[in-house]
Amino acid sequence: MEYRRRNNSDTWHFCRNCSNWPTSDYKVRQSKPTTGELDNECRSKEANGNCR
C-alpha cells in the first residue's frame, strides 16, 4: 500500500479515492508511517470497505 503526505503536512493518506489524496509536492512511503497521523477520511473509507 502506498502512503502519501504533502511536504508541508504530517497527515498521511492511503486511499487513492480520498478527496485530499496528494497529487503533487508529496512524500511517499510503501509501509505504514511511524510518525504523523493517518487521514480520517482514509480511515473511514477503509473501515467501510471503500478504500481504493
PDB file of N, CA and C in Angstrom:
ATOM      1  N   MET A   1       0.849  -1.174   0.000  1.00  0.00           N
ATOM      2  CA  MET A   1       0.000   0.000   0.000  1.00  0.00           C
ATOM      3  C   MET A   1       0.895   1.239   0.000  1.00  0.00           C
ATOM      4  N   GLU A   2       0.502   2.233  -0.770  1.00  0.00           N
ATOM      5  CA  GLU A   2       1.263   3.480  -0.827  1.00  0.00           C
ATOM      6  C   GLU A   2       0.657   4.510   0.123  1.00  0.00           C
ATOM      7  N   TYR A   3       1.504   5.157   0.873  1.00  0.00           N
ATOM      8  CA  TYR A   3       1.099   6.242   1.779  1.00  0.00           C
ATOM      9  C   TYR A   3       1.709   7.530   1.256  1.00  0.00           C
ATOM     10  N   ARG A   4       0.918   8.578   1.212  1.00  0.00           N
ATOM     11  CA  ARG A   4       1.400   9.877   0.743  1.00  0.00           C
ATOM     12  C   ARG A   4       1.044  10.960   1.738  1.00  0.00           C
ATOM     13  N   ARG A   5       1.938  11.927   1.851  1.00  0.00           N
ATOM     14  CA  ARG A   5       1.633  13.128   2.630  1.00  0.00           C
ATOM     15  C   ARG A   5       2.243  14.325   1.918  1.00  0.00           C
ATOM     16  N   ARG A   6       1.560  15.434   1.991  1.00  0.00           N
ATOM     17  CA  ARG A   6       2.100  16.663   1.408  1.00  0.00           C
ATOM     18  C   ARG A   6       3.350  17.067   2.179  1.00  0.00           C
ATOM     19  N   ASN A   7       4.275  17.711   1.501  1.00  0.00           N
ATOM     20  CA  ASN A   7       5.538  18.103   2.129  1.00  0.00           C
ATOM     21  C   ASN A   7       5.342  19.021   3.333  1.00  0.00           C
ATOM     22  N   ASN A   8       4.267  19.773   3.374  1.00  0.00           N
ATOM     23  CA  ASN A   8       4.030  20.708   4.486  1.00  0.00           C
ATOM     24  C   ASN A   8       2.996  20.168   5.478  1.00  0.00           C
ATOM     25  N   SER A   9       2.818  18.851   5.531  1.00  0.00           N
ATOM     26  CA  SER A   9       1.781  18.251   6.375  1.00  0.00           C
ATOM     27  C   SER A   9       2.326  17.032   7.108  1.00  0.00           C
ATOM     28  N   ASP A  10       1.688  16.661   8.220  1.00  0.00           N
ATOM     29  CA  ASP A  10       2.026  15.441   8.952  1.00  0.00           C
ATOM     30  C   ASP A  10       0.940  14.382   8.791  1.00  0.00           C
ATOM     31  N   THR A  11      -0.040  14.626   7.919  1.00  0.00           N
ATOM     32  CA  THR A  11      -1.158  13.700   7.731  1.00  0.00           C
ATOM     33  C   THR A  11      -0.910  12.826   6.514  1.00  0.00           C
ATOM     34  N   TRP A  12      -0.931  11.521   6.731  1.00  0.00           N
ATOM     35  CA  TRP A  12      -0.709  10.551   5.662  1.00  0.00           C
ATOM     36  C   TRP A  12      -2.035  10.078   5.076  1.00  0.00           C
ATOM     37  N   HIS A  13      -2.065   9.921   3.763  1.00  0.00           N
ATOM     38  CA  HIS A  13      -3.239   9.428   3.034  1.00  0.00           C
ATOM     39  C   HIS A  13      -2.881   8.089   2.405  1.00  0.00           C
ATOM     40  N   PHE A  14      -3.840   7.168   2.343  1.00  0.00           N
ATOM     41  CA  PHE A  14      -3.556   5.862   1.761  1.00  0.00           C
ATOM     42  C   PHE A  14      -4.670   5.350   0.858  1.00  0.00           C
ATOM     43  N   CYS A  15      -5.753   6.101   0.691  1.00  0.00           N
ATOM     44  CA  CYS A  15      -6.823   5.737  -0.249  1.00  0.00           C
ATOM     45  C   CYS A  15      -6.745   6.686  -1.443  1.00  0.00           C
ATOM     46  N   ARG A  16      -6.562   6.121  -2.615  1.00  0.00           N
ATOM     47  CA  ARG A  16      -6.464   6.964  -3.808  1.00  0.00           C
ATOM     48  C   ARG A  16      -7.762   7.709  -4.096  1.00  0.00           C
ATOM     49  N   ASN A  17      -8.880   7.227  -3.554  1.00  0.00           N
ATOM     50  CA  ASN A  17     -10.159   7.901  -3.766  1.00  0.00           C
ATOM     51  C   ASN A  17     -10.477   8.884  -2.637  1.00  0.00           C
ATOM     52  N   CYS A  18      -9.498   9.227  -1.825  1.00  0.00           N
ATOM     53  CA  CYS A  18      -9.658  10.258  -0.794  1.00  0.00           C
ATOM     54  C   CYS A  18      -9.710  11.625  -1.472  1.00  0.00           C
ATOM     55  N   SER A  19     -10.569  12.495  -0.984  1.00  0.00           N
ATOM     56  CA  SER A  19     -10.698  13.825  -1.598  1.00  0.00           C
ATOM     57  C   SER A  19      -9.430  14.659  -1.410  1.00  0.00           C
ATOM     58  N   ASN A  20      -8.570  14.270  -0.455  1.00  0.00           N
ATOM     59  CA  ASN A  20      -7.333  15.004  -0.192  1.00  0.00           C
ATOM     60  C   ASN A  20      -6.082  14.258  -0.645  1.00  0.00           C
ATOM     61  N   TRP A  21      -6.234  13.236  -1.500  1.00  0.00           N
ATOM     62  CA  TRP A  21      -5.099  12.445  -1.980  1.00  0.00           C
ATOM     63  C   TRP A  21      -4.091  13.356  -2.681  1.00  0.00           C
ATOM     64  N   PRO A  22      -2.866  13.446  -2.175  1.00  0.00           N
ATOM     65  CA  PRO A  22      -1.866  14.348  -2.783  1.00  0.00           C
ATOM     66  C   PRO A  22      -1.469  13.900  -4.191  1.00  0.00           C
ATOM     67  N   THR A  23      -1.431  14.845  -5.103  1.00  0.00           N
ATOM     68  CA  THR A  23      -1.039  14.536  -6.479  1.00  0.00           C
ATOM     69  C   THR A  23       0.212  15.304  -6.895  1.00  0.00           C
ATOM     70  N   SER A  24       0.658  16.231  -6.063  1.00  0.00           N
ATOM     71  CA  SER A  24       1.908  16.951  -6.341  1.00  0.00           C
ATOM     72  C   SER A  24       2.514  17.402  -5.022  1.00  0.00           C
ATOM     73  N   ASP A  25       3.832  17.595  -5.024  1.00  0.00           N
ATOM     74  CA  ASP A  25       4.553  18.091  -3.855  1.00  0.00           C
ATOM     75  C   ASP A  25       4.298  17.223  -2.624  1.00  0.00           C
ATOM     76  N   TYR A  26       4.609  15.926  -2.720  1.00  0.00           N
ATOM     77  CA  TYR A  26       4.333  14.996  -1.635  1.00  0.00           C
ATOM     78  C   TYR A  26       5.474  14.009  -1.425  1.00  0.00           C
ATOM     79  N   LYS A  27       5.477  13.385  -0.261  1.00  0.00           N
ATOM     80  CA  LYS A  27       6.405  12.303   0.078  1.00  0.00           C
ATOM     81  C   LYS A  27       5.639  10.987   0.005  1.00  0.00           C
ATOM     82  N   VAL A  28       6.362   9.897  -0.285  1.00  0.00           N
ATOM     83  CA  VAL A  28       5.748   8.577  -0.434  1.00  0.00           C
ATOM     84  C   VAL A  28       6.440   7.571   0.474  1.00  0.00           C
ATOM     85  N   ARG A  29       5.642   6.687   1.047  1.00  0.00           N
ATOM     86  CA  ARG A  29       6.144   5.529   1.800  1.00  0.00           C
ATOM     87  C   ARG A  29       5.401   4.306   1.311  1.00  0.00           C
ATOM     88  N   GLN A  30       6.066   3.164   1.335  1.00  0.00           N
ATOM     89  CA  GLN A  30       5.424   1.907   0.940  1.00  0.00           C
ATOM     90  C   GLN A  30       4.962   1.101   2.154  1.00  0.00           C
ATOM     91  N   SER A  31       5.319   1.562   3.350  1.00  0.00           N
ATOM     92  CA  SER A  31       4.878   0.890   4.575  1.00  0.00           C
ATOM     93  C   SER A  31       4.189   1.912   5.480  1.00  0.00           C
ATOM     94  N   LYS A  32       3.431   1.392   6.434  1.00  0.00           N
ATOM     95  CA  LYS A  32       2.672   2.274   7.323  1.00  0.00           C
ATOM     96  C   LYS A  32       3.615   3.227   8.052  1.00  0.00           C
ATOM     97  N   PRO A  33       3.342   4.525   8.011  1.00  0.00           N
ATOM     98  CA  PRO A  33       4.215   5.505   8.663  1.00  0.00           C
ATOM     99  C   PRO A  33       4.243   5.326  10.177  1.00  0.00           C
ATOM    100  N   THR A  34       5.387   5.605  10.760  1.00  0.00           N
ATOM    101  CA  THR A  34       5.528   5.501  12.208  1.00  0.00           C
ATOM    102  C   THR A  34       5.430   6.869  12.874  1.00  0.00           C
ATOM    103  N   THR A  35       5.407   7.934  12.071  1.00  0.00           N
ATOM    104  CA  THR A  35       5.235   9.287  12.596  1.00  0.00           C
ATOM    105  C   THR A  35       4.087   9.956  11.858  1.00  0.00           C
ATOM    106  N   GLY A  36       3.572  11.034  12.421  1.00  0.00           N
ATOM    107  CA  GLY A  36       2.435  11.717  11.813  1.00  0.00           C
ATOM    108  C   GLY A  36       1.151  10.992  12.139  1.00  0.00           C
ATOM    109  N   GLU A  37       0.087  11.338  11.422  1.00  0.00           N
ATOM    110  CA  GLU A  37      -1.203  10.686  11.664  1.00  0.00           C
ATOM    111  C   GLU A  37      -1.822  10.259  10.344  1.00  0.00           C
ATOM    112  N   LEU A  38      -2.736   9.304  10.427  1.00  0.00           N
ATOM    113  CA  LEU A  38      -3.442   8.829   9.244  1.00  0.00           C
ATOM    114  C   LEU A  38      -4.699   9.667   9.052  1.00  0.00           C
ATOM    115  N   ASP A  39      -4.971  10.010   7.812  1.00  0.00           N
ATOM    116  CA  ASP A  39      -6.116  10.851   7.467  1.00  0.00           C
ATOM    117  C   ASP A  39      -7.426  10.196   7.895  1.00  0.00           C
ATOM    118  N   ASN A  40      -8.305  10.985   8.504  1.00  0.00           N
ATOM    119  CA  ASN A  40      -9.594  10.468   8.986  1.00  0.00           C
ATOM    120  C   ASN A  40     -10.479   9.981   7.854  1.00  0.00           C
ATOM    121  N   GLU A  41     -10.480  10.669   6.711  1.00  0.00           N
ATOM    122  CA  GLU A  41     -11.303  10.224   5.582  1.00  0.00           C
ATOM    123  C   GLU A  41     -10.816   8.867   5.076  1.00  0.00           C
ATOM    124  N   CYS A  42      -9.499   8.696   4.982  1.00  0.00           N
ATOM    125  CA  CYS A  42      -8.944   7.408   4.557  1.00  0.00           C
ATOM    126  C   CYS A  42      -9.307   6.307   5.549  1.00  0.00           C
ATOM    127  N   ARG A  43      -9.187   6.607   6.829  1.00  0.00           N
ATOM    128  CA  ARG A  43      -9.523   5.614   7.853  1.00  0.00           C
ATOM    129  C   ARG A  43     -10.998   5.218   7.775  1.00  0.00           C
ATOM    130  N   SER A  44     -11.864   6.188   7.533  1.00  0.00           N
ATOM    131  CA  SER A  44     -13.288   5.913   7.414  1.00  0.00           C
ATOM    132  C   SER A  44     -13.571   5.058   6.177  1.00  0.00           C
ATOM    133  N   LYS A  45     -12.952   5.405   5.058  1.00  0.00           N
ATOM    134  CA  LYS A  45     -13.146   4.627   3.829  1.00  0.00           C
ATOM    135  C   LYS A  45     -12.666   3.186   4.017  1.00  0.00           C
ATOM    136  N   GLU A  46     -11.534   3.015   4.702  1.00  0.00           N
ATOM    137  CA  GLU A  46     -11.014   1.677   4.946  1.00  0.00           C
ATOM    138  C   GLU A  46     -11.981   0.876   5.816  1.00  0.00           C
ATOM    139  N   ALA A  47     -12.509   1.505   6.861  1.00  0.00           N
ATOM    140  CA  ALA A  47     -13.447   0.828   7.767  1.00  0.00           C
ATOM    141  C   ALA A  47     -14.727   0.416   7.054  1.00  0.00           C
ATOM    142  N   ASN A  48     -15.140   1.210   6.047  1.00  0.00           N
ATOM    143  CA  ASN A  48     -16.360   0.912   5.297  1.00  0.00           C
ATOM    144  C   ASN A  48     -16.113   0.038   4.077  1.00  0.00           C
ATOM    145  N   GLY A  49     -14.870  -0.372   3.868  1.00  0.00           N
ATOM    146  CA  GLY A  49     -14.535  -1.208   2.716  1.00  0.00           C
ATOM    147  C   GLY A  49     -14.569  -0.444   1.414  1.00  0.00           C
ATOM    148  N   ASN A  50     -14.376   0.881   1.468  1.00  0.00           N
ATOM    149  CA  ASN A  50     -14.488   1.721   0.288  1.00  0.00           C
ATOM    150  C   ASN A  50     -13.158   2.386  -0.063  1.00  0.00           C
ATOM    151  N   CYS A  51     -12.044   1.870   0.455  1.00  0.00           N
ATOM    152  CA  CYS A  51     -10.724   2.455   0.180  1.00  0.00           C
ATOM    153  C   CYS A  51     -10.172   1.817  -1.083  1.00  0.00           C
ATOM    154  N   ARG A  52      -9.820   2.653  -2.059  1.00  0.00           N
ATOM    155  CA  ARG A  52      -9.244   2.136  -3.311  1.00  0.00           C
ATOM    156  C   ARG A  52      -7.838   2.633  -3.463  1.00  0.00           C
TER     157      ARG A  52
END
